PDB file of N, CA and C in Angstrom:
ATOM      1  N   MET A   1      99.277  49.027  70.081  1.00  0.00           N
ATOM      2  CA  MET A   1      98.030  49.019  71.445  1.00  0.00           C
ATOM      3  C   MET A   1      99.199  48.490  72.549  1.00  0.00           C
ATOM      4  N   GLU A   2      98.670  48.926  73.938  1.00  0.00           N
ATOM      5  CA  GLU A   2      99.758  48.962  74.736  1.00  0.00           C
ATOM      6  C   GLU A   2      99.118  47.943  75.428  1.00  0.00           C
ATOM      7  N   ILE A   3      99.716  46.757  76.253  1.00  0.00           N
ATOM      8  CA  ILE A   3      98.757  45.755  77.222  1.00  0.00           C
ATOM      9  C   ILE A   3      99.679  45.574  78.552  1.00  0.00           C
ATOM     10  N   GLU A   4      99.118  45.500  79.469  1.00  0.00           N
ATOM     11  CA  GLU A   4      99.700  45.274  80.444  1.00  0.00           C
ATOM     12  C   GLU A   4     100.085  43.968  81.183  1.00  0.00           C
ATOM     13  N   ILE A   5     100.779  43.223  81.491  1.00  0.00           N
ATOM     14  CA  ILE A   5     101.289  41.692  81.853  1.00  0.00           C
ATOM     15  C   ILE A   5     101.281  41.700  83.423  1.00  0.00           C
ATOM     16  N   LEU A   6     100.578  41.139  83.781  1.00  0.00           N
ATOM     17  CA  LEU A   6     100.314  40.628  85.131  1.00  0.00           C
ATOM     18  C   LEU A   6     100.619  38.848  85.367  1.00  0.00           C
ATOM     19  N   SER A   7     101.334  38.984  86.231  1.00  0.00           N
ATOM     20  CA  SER A   7     101.847  37.919  86.916  1.00  0.00           C
ATOM     21  C   SER A   7     100.274  37.047  87.578  1.00  0.00           C
ATOM     22  N   THR A   8     100.149  35.491  87.270  1.00  0.00           N
ATOM     23  CA  THR A   8      99.080  34.810  87.568  1.00  0.00           C
ATOM     24  C   THR A   8      98.764  34.610  89.366  1.00  0.00           C
ATOM     25  N   ILE A   9     100.157  34.862  89.521  1.00  0.00           N
ATOM     26  CA  ILE A   9     100.015  35.044  91.691  1.00  0.00           C
ATOM     27  C   ILE A   9     100.456  36.224  91.810  1.00  0.00           C
ATOM     28  N   GLY A  10      99.295  36.652  92.920  1.00  0.00           N
ATOM     29  CA  GLY A  10      99.312  37.748  93.038  1.00  0.00           C
ATOM     30  C   GLY A  10      98.816  38.879  92.652  1.00  0.00           C
ATOM     31  N   SER A  11      98.729  38.597  91.178  1.00  0.00           N
ATOM     32  CA  SER A  11      98.512  39.929  90.057  1.00  0.00           C
ATOM     33  C   SER A  11      99.368  40.960  90.153  1.00  0.00           C
ATOM     34  N   LYS A  12     100.655  40.512  90.198  1.00  0.00           N
ATOM     35  CA  LYS A  12     102.212  41.452  90.492  1.00  0.00           C
ATOM     36  C   LYS A  12     101.730  41.977  89.108  1.00  0.00           C
ATOM     37  N   SER A  13     102.068  43.138  88.351  1.00  0.00           N
ATOM     38  CA  SER A  13     102.406  44.030  87.348  1.00  0.00           C
ATOM     39  C   SER A  13     104.033  43.815  87.070  1.00  0.00           C
ATOM     40  N   LEU A  14     104.168  42.778  85.753  1.00  0.00           N
ATOM     41  CA  LEU A  14     105.489  42.534  85.147  1.00  0.00           C
ATOM     42  C   LEU A  14     106.048  43.688  84.298  1.00  0.00           C
ATOM     43  N   GLY A  15     104.914  44.620  84.031  1.00  0.00           N
ATOM     44  CA  GLY A  15     105.212  45.844  82.945  1.00  0.00           C
ATOM     45  C   GLY A  15     104.140  46.026  81.848  1.00  0.00           C
ATOM     46  N   LYS A  16     104.410  46.868  80.886  1.00  0.00           N
ATOM     47  CA  LYS A  16     103.806  47.210  79.902  1.00  0.00           C
ATOM     48  C   LYS A  16     104.451  46.695  78.305  1.00  0.00           C
ATOM     49  N   ILE A  17     103.478  46.357  77.304  1.00  0.00           N
ATOM     50  CA  ILE A  17     104.179  46.074  76.176  1.00  0.00           C
ATOM     51  C   ILE A  17     103.512  46.896  75.243  1.00  0.00           C
ATOM     52  N   THR A  18     103.967  46.878  73.994  1.00  0.00           N
ATOM     53  CA  THR A  18     103.278  47.431  73.057  1.00  0.00           C
ATOM     54  C   THR A  18     103.395  46.474  71.605  1.00  0.00           C
ATOM     55  N   LEU A  19     102.194  46.233  71.055  1.00  0.00           N
ATOM     56  CA  LEU A  19     101.979  45.565  69.972  1.00  0.00           C
ATOM     57  C   LEU A  19     101.024  46.160  69.177  1.00  0.00           C
ATOM     58  N   ASN A  20     101.225  45.496  67.729  1.00  0.00           N
ATOM     59  CA  ASN A  20     100.308  45.430  66.746  1.00  0.00           C
ATOM     60  C   ASN A  20      98.568  45.088  66.817  1.00  0.00           C
ATOM     61  N   GLU A  21      97.808  45.529  65.876  1.00  0.00           N
ATOM     62  CA  GLU A  21      96.216  44.987  66.387  1.00  0.00           C
ATOM     63  C   GLU A  21      95.963  43.620  65.891  1.00  0.00           C
ATOM     64  N   ASP A  22      97.055  43.084  64.959  1.00  0.00           N
ATOM     65  CA  ASP A  22      96.825  42.051  64.719  1.00  0.00           C
ATOM     66  C   ASP A  22      97.680  40.762  64.858  1.00  0.00           C
ATOM     67  N   ALA A  23      98.631  41.038  66.080  1.00  0.00           N
ATOM     68  CA  ALA A  23      99.326  40.339  66.952  1.00  0.00           C
ATOM     69  C   ALA A  23      98.581  38.932  67.501  1.00  0.00           C
ATOM     70  N   THR A  24      99.579  37.981  67.418  1.00  0.00           N
ATOM     71  CA  THR A  24      99.133  36.719  67.799  1.00  0.00           C
ATOM     72  C   THR A  24      99.554  36.635  69.291  1.00  0.00           C
ATOM     73  N   VAL A  25      99.048  35.454  70.075  1.00  0.00           N
ATOM     74  CA  VAL A  25      99.694  35.148  71.850  1.00  0.00           C
ATOM     75  C   VAL A  25     101.476  34.957  71.226  1.00  0.00           C
ATOM     76  N   LYS A  26     101.589  34.590  70.154  1.00  0.00           N
ATOM     77  CA  LYS A  26     102.878  34.137  70.237  1.00  0.00           C
ATOM     78  C   LYS A  26     103.273  35.319  70.192  1.00  0.00           C
ATOM     79  N   ASN A  27     103.591  36.181  69.259  1.00  0.00           N
ATOM     80  CA  ASN A  27     104.315  37.642  69.547  1.00  0.00           C
ATOM     81  C   ASN A  27     104.106  38.224  70.769  1.00  0.00           C
ATOM     82  N   VAL A  28     102.910  38.152  71.949  1.00  0.00           N
ATOM     83  CA  VAL A  28     102.899  38.657  73.353  1.00  0.00           C
ATOM     84  C   VAL A  28     104.079  37.981  73.843  1.00  0.00           C
ATOM     85  N   LYS A  29     104.294  36.161  73.632  1.00  0.00           N
ATOM     86  CA  LYS A  29     105.044  35.958  74.812  1.00  0.00           C
ATOM     87  C   LYS A  29     106.405  36.181  74.077  1.00  0.00           C
ATOM     88  N   GLU A  30     106.610  36.359  73.083  1.00  0.00           N
ATOM     89  CA  GLU A  30     108.175  37.214  72.597  1.00  0.00           C
ATOM     90  C   GLU A  30     108.381  38.100  73.279  1.00  0.00           C
ATOM     91  N   LYS A  31     107.399  39.153  73.255  1.00  0.00           N
ATOM     92  CA  LYS A  31     107.683  40.597  73.719  1.00  0.00           C
ATOM     93  C   LYS A  31     108.011  40.289  75.085  1.00  0.00           C
ATOM     94  N   ILE A  32     107.371  39.536  75.598  1.00  0.00           N
ATOM     95  CA  ILE A  32     107.586  39.299  77.412  1.00  0.00           C
ATOM     96  C   ILE A  32     108.856  38.818  77.258  1.00  0.00           C
ATOM     97  N   TYR A  33     109.240  38.079  77.006  1.00  0.00           N
ATOM     98  CA  TYR A  33     110.990  37.696  76.810  1.00  0.00           C
ATOM     99  C   TYR A  33     111.761  38.613  76.112  1.00  0.00           C
ATOM    100  N   GLN A  34     111.758  39.248  75.145  1.00  0.00           N
ATOM    101  CA  GLN A  34     112.545  40.489  74.800  1.00  0.00           C
ATOM    102  C   GLN A  34     112.625  41.309  75.896  1.00  0.00           C
ATOM    103  N   ASN A  35     111.314  42.095  76.428  1.00  0.00           N
ATOM    104  CA  ASN A  35     111.317  43.239  77.198  1.00  0.00           C
ATOM    105  C   ASN A  35     110.799  43.362  78.528  1.00  0.00           C
ATOM    106  N   LEU A  36     110.639  41.862  78.996  1.00  0.00           N
ATOM    107  CA  LEU A  36     110.063  42.114  80.315  1.00  0.00           C
ATOM    108  C   LEU A  36     110.604  41.403  81.101  1.00  0.00           C
ATOM    109  N   LYS A  37     110.817  40.069  81.084  1.00  0.00           N
ATOM    110  CA  LYS A  37     111.421  39.225  81.787  1.00  0.00           C
ATOM    111  C   LYS A  37     112.631  37.818  81.005  1.00  0.00           C
ATOM    112  N   LYS A  38     113.628  37.908  80.827  1.00  0.00           N
ATOM    113  CA  LYS A  38     114.706  37.111  80.176  1.00  0.00           C
ATOM    114  C   LYS A  38     114.029  35.770  80.604  1.00  0.00           C
ATOM    115  N   SER A  39     114.303  34.819  81.839  1.00  0.00           N
ATOM    116  CA  SER A  39     114.224  33.854  82.614  1.00  0.00           C
ATOM    117  C   SER A  39     112.647  33.395  81.726  1.00  0.00           C
ATOM    118  N   LEU A  40     112.190  33.852  81.291  1.00  0.00           N
ATOM    119  CA  LEU A  40     110.739  33.574  80.827  1.00  0.00           C
ATOM    120  C   LEU A  40     110.998  33.047  79.277  1.00  0.00           C
ATOM    121  N   TYR A  41     111.631  32.132  78.686  1.00  0.00           N
ATOM    122  CA  TYR A  41     111.327  31.829  77.513  1.00  0.00           C
ATOM    123  C   TYR A  41     110.017  31.410  77.043  1.00  0.00           C
ATOM    124  N   PRO A  42     109.764  31.519  75.977  1.00  0.00           N
ATOM    125  CA  PRO A  42     108.118  31.467  74.936  1.00  0.00           C
ATOM    126  C   PRO A  42     107.698  30.021  75.376  1.00  0.00           C
ATOM    127  N   GLU A  43     108.292  29.277  75.370  1.00  0.00           N
ATOM    128  CA  GLU A  43     107.824  27.965  75.367  1.00  0.00           C
ATOM    129  C   GLU A  43     107.367  27.449  77.153  1.00  0.00           C
ATOM    130  N   ARG A  44     107.899  28.451  77.784  1.00  0.00           N
ATOM    131  CA  ARG A  44     107.651  28.387  79.594  1.00  0.00           C
ATOM    132  C   ARG A  44     106.693  29.063  79.831  1.00  0.00           C
ATOM    133  N   GLN A  45     106.171  29.877  78.942  1.00  0.00           N
ATOM    134  CA  GLN A  45     104.659  30.978  79.405  1.00  0.00           C
ATOM    135  C   GLN A  45     103.617  30.342  79.169  1.00  0.00           C
ATOM    136  N   SER A  46     102.602  30.553  80.149  1.00  0.00           N
ATOM    137  CA  SER A  46     101.123  30.166  79.503  1.00  0.00           C
ATOM    138  C   SER A  46     100.248  32.084  79.893  1.00  0.00           C
ATOM    139  N   ILE A  47      99.738  32.475  78.752  1.00  0.00           N
ATOM    140  CA  ILE A  47      99.099  33.398  78.555  1.00  0.00           C
ATOM    141  C   ILE A  47      97.754  33.041  78.849  1.00  0.00           C
ATOM    142  N   LYS A  48      96.718  34.023  80.053  1.00  0.00           N
ATOM    143  CA  LYS A  48      95.226  33.501  80.015  1.00  0.00           C
ATOM    144  C   LYS A  48      95.029  35.046  80.175  1.00  0.00           C
ATOM    145  N   LEU A  49      93.337  35.294  79.873  1.00  0.00           N
ATOM    146  CA  LEU A  49      92.842  36.516  80.042  1.00  0.00           C
ATOM    147  C   LEU A  49      92.394  37.067  81.354  1.00  0.00           C
ATOM    148  N   GLU A  50      92.090  35.792  82.427  1.00  0.00           N
ATOM    149  CA  GLU A  50      91.838  35.700  83.518  1.00  0.00           C
ATOM    150  C   GLU A  50      92.927  35.010  84.431  1.00  0.00           C
ATOM    151  N   ALA A  51      93.543  35.323  85.899  1.00  0.00           N
ATOM    152  CA  ALA A  51      94.258  34.976  86.739  1.00  0.00           C
ATOM    153  C   ALA A  51      94.155  33.156  86.508  1.00  0.00           C
ATOM    154  N   LYS A  52      92.939  32.759  86.648  1.00  0.00           N
ATOM    155  CA  LYS A  52      92.715  31.312  86.946  1.00  0.00           C
ATOM    156  C   LYS A  52      91.986  31.139  85.608  1.00  0.00           C
ATOM    157  N   GLY A  53      92.261  31.631  84.942  1.00  0.00           N
ATOM    158  CA  GLY A  53      91.509  31.291  83.198  1.00  0.00           C
ATOM    159  C   GLY A  53      92.203  30.016  82.499  1.00  0.00           C
ATOM    160  N   LYS A  54      91.719  29.717  81.324  1.00  0.00           N
ATOM    161  CA  LYS A  54      92.032  28.705  80.677  1.00  0.00           C
ATOM    162  C   LYS A  54      93.549  29.357  79.315  1.00  0.00           C
ATOM    163  N   SER A  55      94.587  28.604  79.229  1.00  0.00           N
ATOM    164  CA  SER A  55      95.471  29.198  78.487  1.00  0.00           C
ATOM    165  C   SER A  55      95.256  29.372  76.895  1.00  0.00           C
ATOM    166  N   LEU A  56      95.780  30.677  76.545  1.00  0.00           N
ATOM    167  CA  LEU A  56      95.564  30.811  75.389  1.00  0.00           C
ATOM    168  C   LEU A  56      96.478  30.233  74.236  1.00  0.00           C
ATOM    169  N   LYS A  57      95.999  29.703  73.066  1.00  0.00           N
ATOM    170  CA  LYS A  57      96.493  29.045  71.955  1.00  0.00           C
ATOM    171  C   LYS A  57      97.611  29.930  71.698  1.00  0.00           C
ATOM    172  N   ASP A  58      98.625  29.610  70.985  1.00  0.00           N
ATOM    173  CA  ASP A  58      99.939  30.798  70.391  1.00  0.00           C
ATOM    174  C   ASP A  58      99.081  31.100  69.059  1.00  0.00           C
ATOM    175  N   GLU A  59      98.549  30.744  68.055  1.00  0.00           N
ATOM    176  CA  GLU A  59      98.037  31.192  66.875  1.00  0.00           C
ATOM    177  C   GLU A  59      96.514  32.087  67.402  1.00  0.00           C
ATOM    178  N   THR A  60      96.220  32.065  68.106  1.00  0.00           N
ATOM    179  CA  THR A  60      95.133  33.289  68.649  1.00  0.00           C
ATOM    180  C   THR A  60      95.780  34.503  68.492  1.00  0.00           C
ATOM    181  N   THR A  61      94.546  35.476  67.828  1.00  0.00           N
ATOM    182  CA  THR A  61      95.102  36.756  67.543  1.00  0.00           C
ATOM    183  C   THR A  61      94.353  37.413  68.837  1.00  0.00           C
ATOM    184  N   LEU A  62      95.075  38.861  68.769  1.00  0.00           N
ATOM    185  CA  LEU A  62      94.456  39.221  70.060  1.00  0.00           C
ATOM    186  C   LEU A  62      93.085  39.878  69.563  1.00  0.00           C
ATOM    187  N   LYS A  63      92.736  40.077  68.186  1.00  0.00           N
ATOM    188  CA  LYS A  63      91.676  40.876  68.108  1.00  0.00           C
ATOM    189  C   LYS A  63      90.713  39.700  68.183  1.00  0.00           C
ATOM    190  N   SER A  64      90.760  38.698  68.192  1.00  0.00           N
ATOM    191  CA  SER A  64      89.408  37.467  67.844  1.00  0.00           C
ATOM    192  C   SER A  64      89.188  37.390  69.275  1.00  0.00           C
ATOM    193  N   ILE A  65      90.174  37.715  70.524  1.00  0.00           N
ATOM    194  CA  ILE A  65      89.581  37.305  71.665  1.00  0.00           C
ATOM    195  C   ILE A  65      89.058  38.909  72.284  1.00  0.00           C
ATOM    196  N   ASN A  66      89.240  39.716  71.125  1.00  0.00           N
ATOM    197  CA  ASN A  66      88.871  41.095  72.023  1.00  0.00           C
ATOM    198  C   ASN A  66      89.434  42.215  73.034  1.00  0.00           C
ATOM    199  N   VAL A  67      90.684  41.513  72.890  1.00  0.00           N
ATOM    200  CA  VAL A  67      91.856  42.491  73.668  1.00  0.00           C
ATOM    201  C   VAL A  67      91.830  43.812  73.286  1.00  0.00           C
ATOM    202  N   HIS A  68      91.691  44.500  73.737  1.00  0.00           N
ATOM    203  CA  HIS A  68      92.040  46.140  73.187  1.00  0.00           C
ATOM    204  C   HIS A  68      93.072  46.504  73.936  1.00  0.00           C
ATOM    205  N   ASP A  69      93.095  48.092  73.552  1.00  0.00           N
ATOM    206  CA  ASP A  69      94.469  48.977  74.081  1.00  0.00           C
ATOM    207  C   ASP A  69      94.283  49.127  75.685  1.00  0.00           C
ATOM    208  N   GLY A  70      95.095  48.886  76.576  1.00  0.00           N
ATOM    209  CA  GLY A  70      94.901  49.216  77.754  1.00  0.00           C
ATOM    210  C   GLY A  70      94.499  47.693  78.734  1.00  0.00           C
ATOM    211  N   ALA A  71      94.483  46.503  77.741  1.00  0.00           N
ATOM    212  CA  ALA A  71      93.925  45.325  78.481  1.00  0.00           C
ATOM    213  C   ALA A  71      95.150  45.155  79.217  1.00  0.00           C
ATOM    214  N   LYS A  72      94.452  43.701  79.764  1.00  0.00           N
ATOM    215  CA  LYS A  72      95.365  43.109  81.088  1.00  0.00           C
ATOM    216  C   LYS A  72      95.391  41.932  80.423  1.00  0.00           C
ATOM    217  N   LEU A  73      96.460  40.976  80.290  1.00  0.00           N
ATOM    218  CA  LEU A  73      97.163  39.929  80.198  1.00  0.00           C
ATOM    219  C   LEU A  73      97.552  39.163  81.521  1.00  0.00           C
ATOM    220  N   PHE A  74      97.299  37.716  81.748  1.00  0.00           N
ATOM    221  CA  PHE A  74      98.049  37.189  82.777  1.00  0.00           C
ATOM    222  C   PHE A  74      99.226  36.406  82.332  1.00  0.00           C
ATOM    223  N   VAL A  75     100.240  35.726  82.637  1.00  0.00           N
ATOM    224  CA  VAL A  75     101.376  35.361  82.692  1.00  0.00           C
ATOM    225  C   VAL A  75     101.433  34.565  83.597  1.00  0.00           C
ATOM    226  N   SER A  76     101.628  33.236  83.179  1.00  0.00           N
ATOM    227  CA  SER A  76     102.171  32.087  84.115  1.00  0.00           C
ATOM    228  C   SER A  76     103.250  31.393  83.925  1.00  0.00           C
ATOM    229  N   ASP A  77     104.029  30.988  84.716  1.00  0.00           N
ATOM    230  CA  ASP A  77     105.660  30.425  84.313  1.00  0.00           C
ATOM    231  C   ASP A  77     105.242  28.917  84.278  1.00  0.00           C
ATOM    232  N   LEU A  78     105.385  27.915  83.288  1.00  0.00           N
ATOM    233  CA  LEU A  78     105.089  26.744  83.405  1.00  0.00           C
ATOM    234  C   LEU A  78     106.198  25.605  83.559  1.00  0.00           C
ATOM    235  N   GLY A  79     107.278  26.209  84.371  1.00  0.00           N
ATOM    236  CA  GLY A  79     108.732  25.752  84.729  1.00  0.00           C
ATOM    237  C   GLY A  79     109.370  25.000  83.511  1.00  0.00           C
ATOM    238  N   PRO A  80     110.501  24.433  84.011  1.00  0.00           N
ATOM    239  CA  PRO A  80     111.461  24.007  82.536  1.00  0.00           C
ATOM    240  C   PRO A  80     110.554  22.967  81.846  1.00  0.00           C
ATOM    241  N   GLN A  81     110.649  22.883  80.383  1.00  0.00           N
ATOM    242  CA  GLN A  81     109.994  21.850  79.717  1.00  0.00           C
ATOM    243  C   GLN A  81     110.851  20.816  78.796  1.00  0.00           C
ATOM    244  N   VAL A  82     110.439  19.490  78.903  1.00  0.00           N
ATOM    245  CA  VAL A  82     111.539  18.850  78.716  1.00  0.00           C
ATOM    246  C   VAL A  82     110.602  18.190  77.228  1.00  0.00           C
ATOM    247  N   SER A  83     111.527  17.639  76.310  1.00  0.00           N
ATOM    248  CA  SER A  83     111.226  17.512  75.265  1.00  0.00           C
ATOM    249  C   SER A  83     110.691  15.939  75.276  1.00  0.00           C
ATOM    250  N   TYR A  84     109.630  15.623  74.354  1.00  0.00           N
ATOM    251  CA  TYR A  84     109.236  14.120  74.379  1.00  0.00           C
ATOM    252  C   TYR A  84     110.775  13.363  73.525  1.00  0.00           C
ATOM    253  N   LYS A  85     111.583  13.864  72.858  1.00  0.00           N
ATOM    254  CA  LYS A  85     112.744  12.905  72.818  1.00  0.00           C
ATOM    255  C   LYS A  85     113.468  12.376  74.234  1.00  0.00           C
ATOM    256  N   ASN A  86     113.487  13.366  74.953  1.00  0.00           N
ATOM    257  CA  ASN A  86     114.350  13.355  76.330  1.00  0.00           C
ATOM    258  C   ASN A  86     113.850  12.339  77.019  1.00  0.00           C
ATOM    259  N   VAL A  87     112.050  12.514  77.217  1.00  0.00           N
ATOM    260  CA  VAL A  87     111.566  11.433  77.768  1.00  0.00           C
ATOM    261  C   VAL A  87     111.613   9.936  77.346  1.00  0.00           C
ATOM    262  N   PHE A  88     111.441   9.888  76.075  1.00  0.00           N
ATOM    263  CA  PHE A  88     111.470   8.413  75.567  1.00  0.00           C
ATOM    264  C   PHE A  88     112.950   7.804  75.723  1.00  0.00           C
ATOM    265  N   LEU A  89     114.200   9.010  75.256  1.00  0.00           N
ATOM    266  CA  LEU A  89     115.623   8.315  75.922  1.00  0.00           C
ATOM    267  C   LEU A  89     115.540   7.704  77.551  1.00  0.00           C
ATOM    268  N   ALA A  90     114.871   8.715  78.295  1.00  0.00           N
ATOM    269  CA  ALA A  90     115.286   8.553  79.739  1.00  0.00           C
ATOM    270  C   ALA A  90     114.610   6.842  79.990  1.00  0.00           C
ATOM    271  N   GLU A  91     113.108   7.049  79.224  1.00  0.00           N
ATOM    272  CA  GLU A  91     112.227   5.930  79.845  1.00  0.00           C
ATOM    273  C   GLU A  91     112.912   4.285  79.297  1.00  0.00           C
ATOM    274  N   TYR A  92     113.511   4.583  77.765  1.00  0.00           N
ATOM    275  CA  TYR A  92     113.627   3.122  77.455  1.00  0.00           C
ATOM    276  C   TYR A  92     115.386   2.766  77.171  1.00  0.00           C
ATOM    277  N   ALA A  93     115.937   4.263  76.862  1.00  0.00           N
ATOM    278  CA  ALA A  93     117.356   3.667  77.036  1.00  0.00           C
ATOM    279  C   ALA A  93     118.032   3.737  78.166  1.00  0.00           C
ATOM    280  N   GLY A  94     117.350   4.349  79.108  1.00  0.00           N
ATOM    281  CA  GLY A  94     117.871   4.530  80.819  1.00  0.00           C
ATOM    282  C   GLY A  94     118.119   2.743  81.444  1.00  0.00           C
ATOM    283  N   PRO A  95     116.952   2.354  81.434  1.00  0.00           N
ATOM    284  CA  PRO A  95     117.180   0.760  81.676  1.00  0.00           C
ATOM    285  C   PRO A  95     118.282  -0.225  80.779  1.00  0.00           C
ATOM    286  N   LEU A  96     118.101   0.171  79.648  1.00  0.00           N
ATOM    287  CA  LEU A  96     119.471  -0.530  79.060  1.00  0.00           C
ATOM    288  C   LEU A  96     120.702  -0.422  79.043  1.00  0.00           C
ATOM    289  N   PHE A  97     121.007   0.875  79.549  1.00  0.00           N
ATOM    290  CA  PHE A  97     122.220   1.172  80.005  1.00  0.00           C
ATOM    291  C   PHE A  97     122.443   0.793  81.149  1.00  0.00           C
ATOM    292  N   VAL A  98     121.760   0.590  82.236  1.00  0.00           N
ATOM    293  CA  VAL A  98     122.109  -0.266  83.890  1.00  0.00           C
ATOM    294  C   VAL A  98     121.806  -1.335  83.585  1.00  0.00           C
ATOM    295  N   TYR A  99     121.277  -2.143  82.432  1.00  0.00           N
ATOM    296  CA  TYR A  99     121.235  -3.515  82.458  1.00  0.00           C
ATOM    297  C   TYR A  99     122.879  -4.157  81.851  1.00  0.00           C
ATOM    298  N   LEU A 100     123.372  -3.180  80.943  1.00  0.00           N
ATOM    299  CA  LEU A 100     124.435  -3.154  80.672  1.00  0.00           C
ATOM    300  C   LEU A 100     125.697  -3.016  81.360  1.00  0.00           C
ATOM    301  N   TRP A 101     125.398  -1.966  81.779  1.00  0.00           N
ATOM    302  CA  TRP A 101     126.615  -1.773  83.419  1.00  0.00           C
ATOM    303  C   TRP A 101     126.781  -2.944  84.363  1.00  0.00           C
ATOM    304  N   VAL A 102     125.486  -3.290  84.630  1.00  0.00           N
ATOM    305  CA  VAL A 102     125.278  -4.611  85.976  1.00  0.00           C
ATOM    306  C   VAL A 102     126.347  -6.070  84.896  1.00  0.00           C
ATOM    307  N   TYR A 103     125.774  -6.031  83.923  1.00  0.00           N
ATOM    308  CA  TYR A 103     126.209  -7.225  83.242  1.00  0.00           C
ATOM    309  C   TYR A 103     127.713  -7.148  82.961  1.00  0.00           C
ATOM    310  N   GLN A 104     128.332  -5.877  82.850  1.00  0.00           N
ATOM    311  CA  GLN A 104     129.977  -5.939  82.576  1.00  0.00           C
ATOM    312  C   GLN A 104     130.506  -5.852  84.331  1.00  0.00           C
ATOM    313  N   ARG A 105     129.747  -5.647  85.224  1.00  0.00           N
ATOM    314  CA  ARG A 105     130.558  -5.613  86.459  1.00  0.00           C
ATOM    315  C   ARG A 105     129.232  -6.556  87.846  1.00  0.00           C
ATOM    316  N   PRO A 106     129.283  -7.379  87.511  1.00  0.00           N
ATOM    317  CA  PRO A 106     128.495  -8.290  88.508  1.00  0.00           C
ATOM    318  C   PRO A 106     129.004  -8.419  89.952  1.00  0.00           C
ATOM    319  N   TRP A 107     130.083  -8.170  90.016  1.00  0.00           N
ATOM    320  CA  TRP A 107     130.747  -8.176  91.425  1.00  0.00           C
ATOM    321  C   TRP A 107     130.321  -7.333  92.588  1.00  0.00           C
ATOM    322  N   ILE A 108     129.708  -5.955  91.418  1.00  0.00           N
ATOM    323  CA  ILE A 108     129.230  -4.778  92.632  1.00  0.00           C
ATOM    324  C   ILE A 108     127.874  -5.358  93.444  1.00  0.00           C
ATOM    325  N   PHE A 109     127.243  -6.090  92.924  1.00  0.00           N
ATOM    326  CA  PHE A 109     125.607  -6.816  92.840  1.00  0.00           C
ATOM    327  C   PHE A 109     125.740  -8.304  93.635  1.00  0.00           C
ATOM    328  N   TYR A 110     126.974  -8.924  93.296  1.00  0.00           N
ATOM    329  CA  TYR A 110     126.637 -10.296  93.343  1.00  0.00           C
ATOM    330  C   TYR A 110     127.690 -10.669  93.984  1.00  0.00           C
ATOM    331  N   GLY A 111     128.773  -9.661  94.683  1.00  0.00           N
ATOM    332  CA  GLY A 111     130.127 -10.020  95.115  1.00  0.00           C
ATOM    333  C   GLY A 111     131.215 -10.412  94.587  1.00  0.00           C
ATOM    334  N   GLU A 112     132.274 -10.917  95.021  1.00  0.00           N
ATOM    335  CA  GLU A 112     133.905 -11.018  94.234  1.00  0.00           C
ATOM    336  C   GLU A 112     133.747 -12.339  93.681  1.00  0.00           C
ATOM    337  N   GLN A 113     132.568 -13.441  94.651  1.00  0.00           N
ATOM    338  CA  GLN A 113     133.022 -14.805  93.974  1.00  0.00           C
ATOM    339  C   GLN A 113     132.025 -15.493  92.770  1.00  0.00           C
ATOM    340  N   SER A 114     131.314 -14.058  92.016  1.00  0.00           N
ATOM    341  CA  SER A 114     130.572 -14.363  90.927  1.00  0.00           C
ATOM    342  C   SER A 114     131.647 -14.698  89.702  1.00  0.00           C
ATOM    343  N   SER A 115     131.234 -15.230  88.769  1.00  0.00           N
ATOM    344  CA  SER A 115     131.844 -15.399  87.584  1.00  0.00           C
ATOM    345  C   SER A 115     131.984 -14.510  86.388  1.00  0.00           C
ATOM    346  N   THR A 116     133.001 -13.845  85.684  1.00  0.00           N
ATOM    347  CA  THR A 116     132.932 -13.214  84.816  1.00  0.00           C
ATOM    348  C   THR A 116     132.070 -13.323  83.459  1.00  0.00           C
ATOM    349  N   PRO A 117     131.671 -12.343  82.705  1.00  0.00           N
ATOM    350  CA  PRO A 117     130.609 -12.608  82.083  1.00  0.00           C
ATOM    351  C   PRO A 117     130.707 -13.303  81.102  1.00  0.00           C
ATOM    352  N   GLY A 118     130.515 -14.486  80.064  1.00  0.00           N
ATOM    353  CA  GLY A 118     131.006 -14.962  79.199  1.00  0.00           C
ATOM    354  C   GLY A 118     131.863 -16.227  79.662  1.00  0.00           C
ATOM    355  N   THR A 119     132.103 -16.981  80.688  1.00  0.00           N
ATOM    356  CA  THR A 119     132.929 -17.768  80.949  1.00  0.00           C
ATOM    357  C   THR A 119     132.351 -19.081  80.320  1.00  0.00           C
ATOM    358  N   VAL A 120     132.636 -20.191  80.086  1.00  0.00           N
ATOM    359  CA  VAL A 120     132.173 -21.295  79.697  1.00  0.00           C
ATOM    360  C   VAL A 120     132.574 -22.545  80.538  1.00  0.00           C
ATOM    361  N   ALA A 121     131.953 -23.376  80.939  1.00  0.00           N
ATOM    362  CA  ALA A 121     132.760 -24.502  81.758  1.00  0.00           C
ATOM    363  C   ALA A 121     133.537 -25.673  80.497  1.00  0.00           C
ATOM    364  N   LYS A 122     134.557 -26.063  81.215  1.00  0.00           N
ATOM    365  CA  LYS A 122     135.280 -26.959  79.970  1.00  0.00           C
ATOM    366  C   LYS A 122     135.434 -28.164  80.548  1.00  0.00           C
TER     367      LYS A 122
END
């Protein structure tokens, strides 16, 4: 079956892709990446039945949502995707590194008269 892929912004046609009857939305995303637009890797795409409709889940088959030959699907760019691991590291490890950096270099914030870390009065 042949499906036309349109952009959600301005309904500009990106091209047509050919798929099997039992293809899933994930297969559509991979075909768009392989054949139409290399900058839109599958994790960055959102496939919709209407330009302002809800995004379809990757497991959804085209047959179950009544997509037939000659149908139109809309794709939108979600932008760069950041993993939860990177968010966690930036949120929790970032302040720890800043604290350790300031602890090792107190003169940057407190001036030249500040004592070095770990000095003990005699």
